[in-house]
Protein backbone atom coordinates (compact mmCIF):
# COMPACT_ATOMS: atom_id res chain seq x y z
CA MET A 1 182.98 -24.49 20.82
CA ALA A 2 179.91 -22.37 20.29
CA GLU A 3 178.31 -20.82 23.34
CA PRO A 4 174.73 -21.75 24.12
CA PRO A 5 172.20 -18.97 23.64
CA ARG A 6 171.65 -16.72 26.62
CA ARG A 7 168.43 -17.06 28.50
CA SER A 8 167.94 -13.31 28.52
CA SER A 9 167.59 -13.28 24.75
CA LEU A 10 164.46 -15.39 24.83
CA GLY A 11 161.05 -14.56 26.10
CA ALA A 12 159.02 -16.78 28.36
CA GLY A 13 157.49 -18.48 25.39
CA GLY A 14 160.85 -19.25 23.78
CA SER A 15 160.64 -16.42 21.22
CA ALA A 16 163.36 -13.82 20.85
CA ALA A 17 163.02 -10.97 23.34
CA LEU A 18 162.57 -7.46 22.00
CA PRO A 19 165.90 -5.58 21.91
CA LEU A 20 166.36 -2.56 24.16
CA ARG A 21 166.56 -0.20 21.19
CA ALA A 22 163.26 -1.50 19.85
CA ARG A 23 161.62 -1.14 23.27
CA LEU A 24 162.81 2.44 23.60
CA SER A 25 161.71 3.39 20.09
CA PHE A 26 158.29 1.83 20.75
CA ALA A 27 157.89 3.77 24.00
CA ALA A 28 158.74 7.00 22.15
CA GLY A 29 155.70 6.53 19.92
CA HIS A 30 153.27 7.82 22.54
CA PHE A 31 155.41 10.75 23.66
CA LEU A 32 153.47 13.33 21.62
CA ASN A 33 150.18 12.05 22.99
CA ASP A 34 151.55 12.17 26.52
CA LEU A 35 152.80 15.72 26.13
CA CYS A 36 149.45 16.88 24.78
CA ALA A 37 147.49 14.91 27.39
CA SER A 38 149.51 16.53 30.16
CA LEU A 39 148.60 19.98 28.89
CA TRP A 40 145.02 18.96 28.19
CA PHE A 41 144.17 17.47 31.58
CA THR A 42 146.31 19.68 33.81
CA TYR A 43 145.95 23.11 32.26
CA LEU A 44 142.90 23.24 29.97
CA LEU A 45 140.35 24.18 32.65
CA LEU A 46 142.86 26.49 34.30
CA TYR A 47 143.73 28.16 30.99
CA LEU A 48 140.14 28.64 29.84
CA HIS A 49 138.89 29.88 33.20
CA ALA A 50 141.75 31.67 34.98
CA VAL A 51 143.65 32.96 31.92
CA LEU A 52 141.01 33.58 29.24
CA GLY A 53 138.22 34.28 31.74
CA TYR A 54 135.59 31.86 30.42
CA SER A 55 132.93 30.46 32.74
CA HIS A 56 133.18 27.14 34.59
CA ARG A 57 130.46 25.58 32.45
CA LEU A 58 132.05 26.61 29.14
CA ALA A 59 135.44 25.29 30.22
CA GLY A 60 133.87 22.03 31.39
CA GLY A 61 131.75 21.84 28.25
CA LEU A 62 134.79 22.06 25.99
CA LEU A 63 136.59 19.36 27.96
CA LEU A 64 133.46 17.20 27.88
CA ALA A 65 133.13 17.69 24.11
CA GLY A 66 136.72 16.54 23.70
CA GLN A 67 136.19 13.47 25.85
CA VAL A 68 132.98 12.56 24.03
CA ALA A 69 134.73 12.91 20.66
CA ASP A 70 137.62 10.80 21.94
CA GLY A 71 135.28 8.20 23.41
CA LEU A 72 133.29 7.85 20.18
CA CYS A 73 136.35 7.79 17.95
CA THR A 74 138.23 5.23 20.04
CA PRO A 75 136.14 2.06 19.42
CA LEU A 76 135.45 3.04 15.80
CA LEU A 77 139.13 3.56 15.16
CA GLY A 78 139.86 0.31 16.95
CA TYR A 79 137.50 -1.52 14.61
CA GLU A 80 139.00 0.12 11.53
CA ALA A 81 142.57 -0.48 12.73
CA ASP A 82 141.83 -4.19 13.17
CA ARG A 83 140.35 -4.67 9.71
CA SER A 84 142.70 -2.46 7.69
CA ALA A 85 145.92 -3.74 6.14
CA GLY A 86 148.02 -0.58 6.38
CA CYS A 87 149.48 1.59 3.65
CA GLY A 88 151.34 -0.65 1.22
CA ARG A 89 154.13 -2.43 3.05
CA TYR A 90 153.72 -0.16 6.05
CA GLY A 91 152.21 -1.84 9.11
CA ARG A 92 148.55 -1.29 9.83
CA ARG A 93 149.20 -0.06 13.38
CA LYS A 94 151.91 2.37 12.29
CA SER A 95 149.74 3.64 9.44
CA TRP A 96 147.03 4.70 11.86
CA HIS A 97 149.65 6.05 14.22
CA LEU A 98 150.99 8.30 11.45
CA ALA A 99 147.52 9.56 10.56
CA GLY A 100 146.73 10.32 14.19
CA THR A 101 150.03 12.09 14.75
CA THR A 102 149.36 14.37 11.79
CA CYS A 103 145.95 15.38 13.15
CA VAL A 104 147.42 16.15 16.58
CA LEU A 105 150.22 18.27 15.13
CA VAL A 106 147.95 20.51 13.04
CA SER A 107 145.20 21.07 15.64
CA PHE A 108 146.64 21.15 19.15
CA PRO A 109 148.41 24.58 19.05
CA PHE A 110 145.09 26.31 18.30
CA ILE A 111 143.51 24.96 21.50
CA PHE A 112 146.00 26.79 23.73
CA SER A 113 145.95 30.01 21.73
CA PRO A 114 143.43 32.85 22.03
CA CYS A 115 140.38 32.79 19.80
CA LEU A 116 141.28 34.42 16.50
CA GLY A 117 138.91 37.31 15.80
CA CYS A 118 137.33 37.26 19.26
CA LYS A 119 137.06 40.50 21.24
CA GLU A 120 136.09 41.38 24.77
CA ASN A 121 132.40 41.62 23.90
CA THR A 122 132.37 38.38 21.88
CA PRO A 123 129.79 35.98 23.40
CA GLN A 124 131.19 32.85 24.97
CA TRP A 125 129.14 30.54 22.77
CA ALA A 126 131.07 31.90 19.77
CA ALA A 127 134.34 30.94 21.46
CA PHE A 128 132.88 27.49 22.10
CA ILE A 129 132.11 27.06 18.39
CA TYR A 130 135.61 28.30 17.49
CA TYR A 131 137.47 25.83 19.70
CA LEU A 132 135.20 22.84 19.07
CA PRO A 133 136.52 21.78 15.59
CA PHE A 134 140.15 21.93 16.75
CA ILE A 135 139.29 19.84 19.80
CA VAL A 136 137.47 17.22 17.73
CA ILE A 137 140.36 16.91 15.25
CA PHE A 138 142.84 16.70 18.11
CA GLN A 139 140.86 14.00 19.90
CA PHE A 140 140.48 11.99 16.70
CA GLY A 141 144.22 12.05 16.17
CA TRP A 142 144.93 11.36 19.83
CA ALA A 143 142.64 8.32 19.81
CA ALA A 144 144.14 6.95 16.58
CA THR A 145 147.65 7.27 18.01
CA GLN A 146 146.74 5.75 21.37
CA ILE A 147 144.86 2.73 20.06
CA SER A 148 147.42 1.88 17.40
CA HIS A 149 150.25 2.20 19.92
CA LEU A 150 148.57 0.10 22.61
CA SER A 151 147.64 -2.57 20.08
CA LEU A 152 151.29 -3.05 19.20
CA ILE A 153 152.12 -4.36 22.71
CA PRO A 154 150.65 -7.89 22.31
CA GLU A 155 151.98 -8.02 18.74
CA LEU A 156 155.57 -7.18 19.68
CA VAL A 157 155.82 -9.41 22.78
CA THR A 158 153.94 -12.47 24.06
CA SER A 159 155.34 -13.10 27.55
CA ASP A 160 153.33 -11.73 30.48
CA HIS A 161 156.35 -10.18 32.13
CA GLU A 162 157.57 -8.73 28.83
CA LYS A 163 154.20 -7.06 28.45
CA VAL A 164 154.59 -5.54 31.89
CA GLU A 165 158.11 -4.40 31.03
CA LEU A 166 157.04 -2.87 27.72
CA THR A 167 154.11 -1.16 29.43
CA ALA A 168 156.50 0.13 32.09
CA PHE A 169 158.78 1.55 29.38
CA ARG A 170 155.75 3.19 27.83
CA TYR A 171 154.67 4.68 31.14
CA ALA A 172 158.23 5.82 31.86
CA PHE A 173 158.04 7.90 28.69
CA THR A 174 154.64 9.14 29.81
CA VAL A 175 156.16 10.39 33.04
CA MET A 176 159.10 11.89 31.15
CA ALA A 177 156.60 13.74 28.95
CA ASN A 178 154.82 15.13 31.98
CA ILE A 179 158.12 16.11 33.57
CA THR A 180 159.02 17.91 30.35
CA VAL A 181 155.71 19.81 30.27
CA TYR A 182 155.86 20.87 33.91
CA GLY A 183 159.53 21.77 33.69
CA LEU A 184 158.85 23.95 30.65
CA ALA A 185 155.81 25.50 32.37
CA TRP A 186 157.91 26.35 35.43
CA LEU A 187 160.61 27.87 33.22
CA LEU A 188 158.16 29.95 31.18
CA LEU A 189 156.31 31.17 34.26
CA ASN A 190 159.55 32.21 35.93
CA LEU A 191 160.70 34.10 32.84
CA GLN A 192 157.98 36.69 33.46
CA VAL A 193 160.23 39.23 35.12
CA ASP A 194 158.86 42.33 33.46
CA ARG A 195 155.85 42.51 35.81
CA PRO A 196 156.89 40.94 39.11
CA GLU A 197 153.85 42.30 40.96
CA ARG A 198 151.54 40.23 38.71
CA THR A 199 153.36 36.91 38.72
CA GLU A 200 151.73 35.42 41.84
CA HIS A 201 148.37 34.69 40.23
CA LEU A 202 147.24 33.60 36.79
CA GLY A 203 145.67 36.09 34.40
CA ILE A 204 145.44 37.30 30.82
CA GLN A 205 149.13 38.15 30.93
CA ASP A 206 149.90 34.41 30.93
CA VAL A 207 148.48 33.78 27.44
CA PRO A 208 151.95 33.75 25.82
CA VAL A 209 153.11 31.18 28.37
CA PHE A 210 150.55 28.57 27.34
CA ARG A 211 150.79 29.41 23.64
CA ASN A 212 154.57 28.97 23.61
CA LEU A 213 154.27 25.86 25.75
CA SER A 214 151.90 24.22 23.25
CA LEU A 215 154.21 25.04 20.32
CA ILE A 216 157.24 23.56 22.10
CA VAL A 217 155.25 20.45 22.99
CA VAL A 218 154.21 19.88 19.38
CA GLY A 219 157.78 20.27 18.15
CA LEU A 220 159.23 17.82 20.68
CA GLY A 221 156.44 15.31 20.08
CA ALA A 222 157.05 15.34 16.34
CA VAL A 223 160.70 14.39 16.87
CA PHE A 224 159.83 11.45 19.12
CA SER A 225 157.13 10.26 16.72
CA LEU A 226 159.76 10.18 13.98
CA ILE A 227 161.98 8.03 16.23
CA PHE A 228 159.09 5.62 16.74
CA HIS A 229 158.40 5.21 13.04
CA LEU A 230 162.06 4.72 12.20
CA GLY A 231 162.90 2.32 15.03
CA THR A 232 159.77 0.16 15.43
CA LYS A 233 159.36 -2.74 13.04
CA GLU A 234 155.83 -4.00 12.56
CA LYS A 235 154.95 -7.04 10.53
CA PRO A 236 152.85 -5.90 7.56
CA TYR A 237 149.38 -7.39 7.23
CA PRO A 238 148.26 -7.49 3.60
CA LEU A 239 144.49 -7.55 3.40
CA GLY A 240 144.42 -10.98 1.80
CA SER A 241 146.57 -12.51 4.53
CA LEU A 242 144.24 -11.78 7.41
CA PRO A 243 142.78 -15.08 8.61
CA GLN A 244 139.10 -15.53 7.77
CA PRO A 245 137.98 -16.85 10.14
CA GLU A 246 140.70 -16.20 12.70
CA SER A 247 141.88 -19.37 14.33
CA THR A 248 144.25 -18.95 17.28
CA PRO A 249 143.43 -18.93 21.00
CA LEU A 250 142.83 -15.85 23.11
CA LEU A 251 145.07 -16.42 26.12
CA GLN A 252 147.01 -19.48 25.13
CA LYS A 253 149.14 -20.55 28.04
CA GLU A 254 149.85 -24.09 26.89
CA PRO A 255 149.68 -25.68 23.46
CA THR A 256 146.61 -27.79 22.79
CA ARG A 257 145.65 -30.13 20.02
CA CYS A 258 142.20 -28.61 19.76
CA PRO A 259 141.85 -25.55 17.47
CA ARG A 260 140.76 -22.35 19.18
CA PRO A 261 139.04 -19.47 17.40
CA LEU A 262 140.63 -16.06 17.62
CA LEU A 263 137.91 -13.55 18.36
CA ALA A 264 137.16 -10.86 15.81
CA TRP A 265 135.67 -7.57 16.98
CA LYS A 266 132.06 -8.70 16.48
CA ASP A 267 132.72 -11.93 18.39
CA TRP A 268 133.46 -9.88 21.50
CA LEU A 269 130.07 -8.20 21.20
CA LEU A 270 128.25 -11.53 20.76
CA GLU A 271 129.79 -13.09 23.85
CA PRO A 272 127.63 -12.72 27.00
CA ALA A 273 130.76 -12.95 29.14
CA PHE A 274 132.01 -9.70 27.59
CA TYR A 275 129.22 -7.92 29.48
CA GLN A 276 128.54 -10.26 32.39
CA VAL A 277 130.55 -11.52 35.29
CA GLY A 278 131.68 -15.11 34.83
CA ALA A 279 133.85 -17.57 36.66
CA GLY A 280 135.20 -20.81 35.43
CA GLY A 281 137.83 -22.31 33.25
CA CYS A 282 137.90 -24.89 30.53
CA HIS A 283 135.07 -27.32 30.80
CA GLY A 284 136.16 -30.76 31.85
CA HIS A 285 133.61 -32.63 29.76
CA ALA A 286 132.63 -33.02 26.16
CA PRO A 287 129.97 -30.67 24.81
CA SER A 288 126.43 -31.84 24.55
CA PRO A 289 124.88 -32.32 21.10
CA SER A 290 122.61 -29.29 21.62
CA SER A 291 125.54 -27.03 22.47
CA SER A 292 127.58 -28.50 19.64
CA ARG A 293 125.18 -27.04 17.11
CA ARG A 294 125.75 -23.50 18.37
CA GLY A 295 129.18 -23.17 16.78
CA LEU A 296 132.74 -22.93 17.92
CA SER A 297 133.29 -20.01 20.32
CA ALA A 298 135.49 -18.89 23.19
CA ALA A 299 134.23 -16.91 26.16
CA LEU A 300 136.45 -14.74 28.27
CA SER A 301 135.70 -14.51 31.97
CA VAL A 302 135.56 -11.20 33.84
CA PRO A 303 136.36 -8.68 31.09
CA LEU A 304 133.78 -6.42 32.72
CA GLN A 305 135.83 -6.19 35.91
CA VAL A 306 138.95 -5.37 33.90
CA ALA A 307 137.07 -2.60 32.07
CA VAL A 308 135.75 -1.18 35.35
CA LEU A 309 139.20 -1.37 36.90
CA TYR A 310 140.73 0.37 33.88
CA MET A 311 138.04 3.07 33.99
CA ALA A 312 138.53 3.64 37.73
CA THR A 313 142.28 3.85 37.24
CA ARG A 314 141.92 6.43 34.49
CA LEU A 315 139.47 8.43 36.59
CA ILE A 316 141.94 8.60 39.48
CA VAL A 317 144.88 9.55 37.26
CA ASN A 318 143.09 12.00 34.96
CA LEU A 319 140.81 13.73 37.48
CA SER A 320 143.59 14.21 40.00
CA GLN A 321 145.72 15.61 37.20
CA THR A 322 142.89 17.91 36.09
CA TYR A 323 142.10 19.36 39.50
CA ILE A 324 145.50 19.40 41.18
CA ALA A 325 146.21 22.89 39.78
CA MET A 326 142.81 24.17 40.98
CA TYR A 327 143.44 22.63 44.40
CA LEU A 328 146.84 24.29 44.69
CA THR A 329 145.74 27.78 43.62
CA ASN A 330 142.21 27.95 45.07
CA SER A 331 142.23 25.69 48.16
CA LEU A 332 145.83 25.94 49.36
CA LEU A 333 146.20 29.50 47.96
CA LEU A 334 149.72 28.80 46.71
CA PRO A 335 151.52 30.95 44.09
CA LYS A 336 151.08 29.95 40.47
CA LYS A 337 154.59 28.48 40.22
CA TYR A 338 153.25 25.52 42.22
CA ILE A 339 151.07 24.45 39.28
CA ALA A 340 154.35 23.39 37.66
CA THR A 341 156.49 22.25 40.62
CA ILE A 342 153.93 20.04 42.40
CA PRO A 343 152.91 18.06 39.29
CA LEU A 344 156.62 17.79 38.51
CA VAL A 345 157.25 16.12 41.87
CA LEU A 346 154.20 13.93 41.31
CA TYR A 347 155.54 12.55 38.04
CA VAL A 348 159.12 12.21 39.19
CA SER A 349 157.90 9.81 41.87
CA GLY A 350 155.81 8.05 39.23
CA PHE A 351 158.83 7.75 36.98
CA LEU A 352 160.87 6.09 39.71
CA SER A 353 158.01 3.77 40.64
CA SER A 354 157.53 2.59 37.04
CA PHE A 355 160.90 0.81 37.06
CA LEU A 356 159.79 -1.34 40.00
CA MET A 357 156.79 -2.76 38.19
CA LYS A 358 158.47 -5.80 36.62
CA PRO A 359 160.16 -7.20 39.77
CA VAL A 360 157.14 -6.40 41.94
CA ASN A 361 154.78 -8.13 39.49
CA LYS A 362 157.03 -11.19 39.48
CA TRP A 363 157.16 -11.22 43.25
CA ILE A 364 153.54 -10.66 44.32
CA GLY A 365 151.55 -10.79 41.05
CA ARG A 366 149.28 -8.37 39.22
CA ASN A 367 146.46 -8.14 41.74
CA LEU A 368 148.55 -7.45 44.83
CA THR A 369 150.66 -4.94 42.92
CA TYR A 370 147.53 -3.02 42.03
CA PHE A 371 146.33 -3.26 45.65
CA VAL A 372 149.59 -1.75 46.89
CA GLY A 373 149.06 1.17 44.52
CA ILE A 374 145.52 1.64 45.84
CA LEU A 375 146.84 1.75 49.41
CA VAL A 376 149.25 4.53 48.44
CA ILE A 377 146.39 6.47 46.78
CA LEU A 378 144.28 6.09 49.92
CA ALA A 379 147.20 7.35 52.02
CA PHE A 380 147.29 10.51 49.88
CA ALA A 381 143.51 10.99 50.19
CA SER A 382 143.70 10.59 53.96
CA TRP A 383 146.50 13.13 54.15
CA VAL A 384 144.48 15.69 52.15
CA THR A 385 141.37 15.01 54.23
CA LEU A 386 143.09 15.63 57.55
CA THR A 387 145.14 18.63 56.43
CA ARG A 388 143.30 21.74 55.27
CA THR A 389 146.42 23.87 54.82
CA MET A 390 149.78 22.65 53.56
CA GLY A 391 153.21 24.12 53.15
CA ALA A 392 156.27 22.08 52.27
CA GLU A 393 154.42 18.86 53.11
CA ILE A 394 152.50 19.15 49.84
CA TYR A 395 155.60 17.76 48.14
CA GLY A 396 155.37 14.56 50.19
CA ALA A 397 151.68 14.18 49.40
CA ALA A 398 152.41 14.68 45.69
CA ALA A 399 155.08 11.97 45.83
CA LEU A 400 152.52 9.54 47.27
CA LEU A 401 149.99 10.36 44.56
CA GLY A 402 152.58 9.96 41.82
CA ALA A 403 153.81 6.59 43.04
CA GLY A 404 150.30 5.23 43.51
CA SER A 405 149.09 6.49 40.12
CA ALA A 406 152.05 4.93 38.33
CA THR A 407 151.50 1.59 40.03
CA ILE A 408 147.81 1.24 39.26
CA LEU A 409 148.12 2.58 35.70
CA VAL A 410 150.91 0.22 34.65
CA THR A 411 149.19 -2.76 36.26
CA SER A 412 145.76 -2.03 34.75
CA LEU A 413 147.26 -1.71 31.26
CA SER A 414 149.03 -5.03 31.77
CA MET A 415 145.71 -6.62 32.74
CA THR A 416 144.19 -5.30 29.53
CA ALA A 417 147.06 -6.83 27.55
CA ASP A 418 146.35 -10.13 29.33
CA LEU A 419 142.73 -9.85 28.24
CA ILE A 420 143.86 -9.83 24.61
CA GLY A 421 146.66 -12.37 24.89
CA THR A 422 147.56 -13.67 21.45
CA ASN A 423 144.27 -12.40 19.99
CA THR A 424 146.08 -9.44 18.43
CA HIS A 425 143.98 -9.19 15.27
CA SER A 426 141.12 -7.65 17.27
CA GLY A 427 143.32 -6.10 19.94
CA ALA A 428 142.62 -2.53 18.83
CA PHE A 429 138.87 -3.04 19.25
CA VAL A 430 139.34 -4.36 22.80
CA TYR A 431 141.53 -1.40 23.70
CA GLY A 432 138.99 0.89 22.06
CA ALA A 433 136.10 -0.58 24.03
CA MET A 434 138.07 -0.30 27.27
CA SER A 435 139.14 3.26 26.50
CA PHE A 436 135.60 4.29 25.55
CA THR A 437 134.41 3.77 29.11
CA ASP A 438 137.14 5.86 30.67
CA LYS A 439 136.85 8.72 28.13
CA MET A 440 133.12 9.11 28.66
CA ALA A 441 133.43 8.73 32.42
CA ASN A 442 136.15 11.38 32.60
CA GLY A 443 134.20 13.88 30.55
CA LEU A 444 130.96 13.37 32.47
CA ALA A 445 132.77 13.53 35.81
CA VAL A 446 134.46 16.84 34.92
CA MET A 447 131.18 18.34 33.70
CA ALA A 448 129.40 17.23 36.88
CA ILE A 449 132.11 18.78 39.05
CA GLN A 450 132.01 22.02 37.05
CA ASN A 451 128.24 22.25 37.42
CA LEU A 452 128.55 21.73 41.18
CA HIS A 453 130.98 24.64 41.49
CA PRO A 454 129.65 27.02 44.16
CA CYS A 455 130.92 30.20 42.47
CA PRO A 456 128.80 31.26 39.48
CA THR A 457 131.08 34.18 38.61
CA GLU A 458 134.40 34.07 36.80
CA LEU A 459 136.42 34.68 39.99
CA CYS A 460 136.80 32.16 42.78
CA CYS A 461 134.62 32.90 45.81
CA PRO A 462 135.43 31.77 49.39
CA ALA A 463 133.28 28.66 48.95
CA CYS A 464 135.60 27.22 46.30
CA VAL A 465 138.38 26.89 48.89
CA SER A 466 136.71 23.88 50.49
CA PHE A 467 135.14 22.81 47.18
CA TYR A 468 138.42 21.85 45.49
CA HIS A 469 139.66 20.36 48.74
CA TRP A 470 136.88 17.79 48.77
CA VAL A 471 137.13 17.30 45.01
CA MET A 472 140.70 16.07 45.47
CA VAL A 473 139.62 13.75 48.27
CA LEU A 474 136.78 12.20 46.28
CA VAL A 475 138.56 11.79 42.93
CA THR A 476 141.38 9.91 44.66
CA GLY A 477 140.07 8.19 47.79
CA GLY A 478 136.46 7.73 46.68
CA ILE A 479 137.29 6.23 43.30
CA ALA A 480 140.08 4.16 44.87
CA MET A 481 137.48 2.45 47.06
CA ALA A 482 135.42 1.60 43.96
CA ALA A 483 138.54 0.24 42.28
CA THR A 484 139.19 -1.94 45.32
CA VAL A 485 135.76 -3.53 44.94
CA SER A 486 136.46 -4.27 41.27
CA LEU A 487 139.86 -5.71 42.19
CA CYS A 488 138.23 -8.03 44.72
CA CYS A 489 135.94 -9.33 41.97
CA ILE A 490 138.95 -10.09 39.78
CA MET A 491 140.68 -11.87 42.66
CA ILE A 492 137.56 -14.00 43.20
CA TRP A 493 137.07 -14.63 39.48
CA PRO A 494 140.55 -14.50 37.91
CA ILE A 495 141.09 -13.70 34.23
CA ARG A 496 140.80 -17.03 32.48
CA VAL A 497 139.66 -18.50 29.21
CA ARG A 498 136.66 -20.80 28.98
CA PHE A 499 136.16 -22.79 25.77
CA HIS A 500 132.74 -24.23 25.19
CA ASP A 501 130.08 -25.07 22.63
CA VAL A 502 132.45 -27.01 20.38
CA SER A 503 130.53 -28.09 17.30
CA LEU A 504 130.91 -31.30 15.38
CA GLN A 505 131.01 -29.30 12.17
CA GLY A 506 133.88 -27.14 13.40
CA LEU A 507 135.81 -30.19 14.56
CA ASN A 508 135.24 -31.96 11.28
CA GLU A 509 136.47 -28.93 9.35
CA ALA A 510 139.56 -28.95 11.54
CA ARG A 511 139.91 -32.73 10.93
CA ILE A 512 139.86 -33.57 14.64
CA PRO A 513 137.84 -36.55 15.81
CA TYR A 514 134.94 -35.75 18.09
CA ASP A 515 136.01 -38.23 20.78
CA GLU A 516 139.40 -36.53 20.96
CA THR A 517 137.98 -33.29 22.30
CA GLU A 518 137.13 -34.73 25.67
CA SER A 519 140.67 -35.82 26.35
CA VAL A 520 141.96 -32.46 25.21
CA GLU A 521 139.58 -30.61 27.47
CA GLU A 522 140.44 -32.84 30.41
CA ARG A 523 144.15 -32.30 29.86
CA SER A 524 143.85 -28.51 29.51
CA PRO A 525 144.21 -26.65 32.80
CA ASN A 526 142.47 -23.36 33.42
CA SER A 527 144.25 -20.45 31.75
CA THR A 528 144.45 -18.00 34.60
CA VAL A 529 146.37 -14.75 34.87
CA ASN A 530 146.89 -13.50 38.40
């Protein structure tokens, strides 16, 4: 007698669940990006200023240029990734992923290497011009890889909890990448035994450390990218097979008899609810004749709050990662080995926390899970505020920051996946629009902080001791308060789909009687994701 199929093999929607091997290979696809991002956000300012001796403004300007390039490329690449069909039988997402990976591999090592041809008397603006093209190419490739990889999540799985699980796998690899970078940094810094009297503080002697670190990172990332392309199967989308117009619902929770339009990228821009705060579900009445003539459309409530929440989350994670090394060396006056060990502890705690995301989300829901992460972030900010000098307790504070960052990042990405739902054809554009806000905000925030630096010279003056102390407090606790306000808006106006303005022409084309729409609308509950 044949055994019935196991429940674990099916997703919530009745479709086959993604195998473990496929989930692991998918998560490996962002490993190169995560390795490079760890170096970029944690060590770029430190490398340019403390190692190469460039000014605060030049270091911040280069980081801002990279964030602007990334922010501009992200929505454009999202648009192109949605409308392209891929290379031959290769999937469209994986095609863009391959192109982005190639750009990252050929450009990133030059960013963490000294300027070729530059001398001691070379003006700093010349160094800026030298590094700028490599940064732009790197950010283009990074954005192409990120958007294509994120857009695969709603295409590979449809269940809410499977999206959380896949996002948790992805973030687990992110944490593993950061652990790898910081472990290698600690190893390379401790291998400097030839000049023990100069190993306590960063300087020009540490150039080989960062150069070798970038080369190792690129090599490891290339191997994991190969695993992703060999192990992830994406359904090819020939150009002629893309639906014109698209005709599936955005966040379809229950089957309906009424056809729903799947939003293309330009439909998101034409919807007022994409920019405004809205609340409400499916209308419980038939459309009026005047609204019927406006065409068939679907409006998504509260995407603005999700974008703000995603931006605030990225600001907390990226800015704390950017300035943690400055805080350790300039405010706490710790030896340079701590720029590797403290971030390592931070991401180990994040790695452990990422595995709790699925059961916690099932137990208390998305919103409360995010709120718990915010409370942990606020606990870290309070600890830093009340303690001006730290010894061994810095490891406990780093564990709090890592756990809180992992919680809010995984949950915010899951909320973004909910925003797309089954509307995967324009998923890359949505991710691009969301990512655009956080890229620009990160770059502008870093440049503002660099311009507020109290020490105009290359070396740190006594005023920067308290400066980086309060920077860490504000980029964690201050932004966490803003994220709490956005979260409250989402809790008041949950993520739900509102269908309206159903036209007689659209219904006739779909061969559905007009009088049938009212019963469908009355039977359809609000599609809400909590």
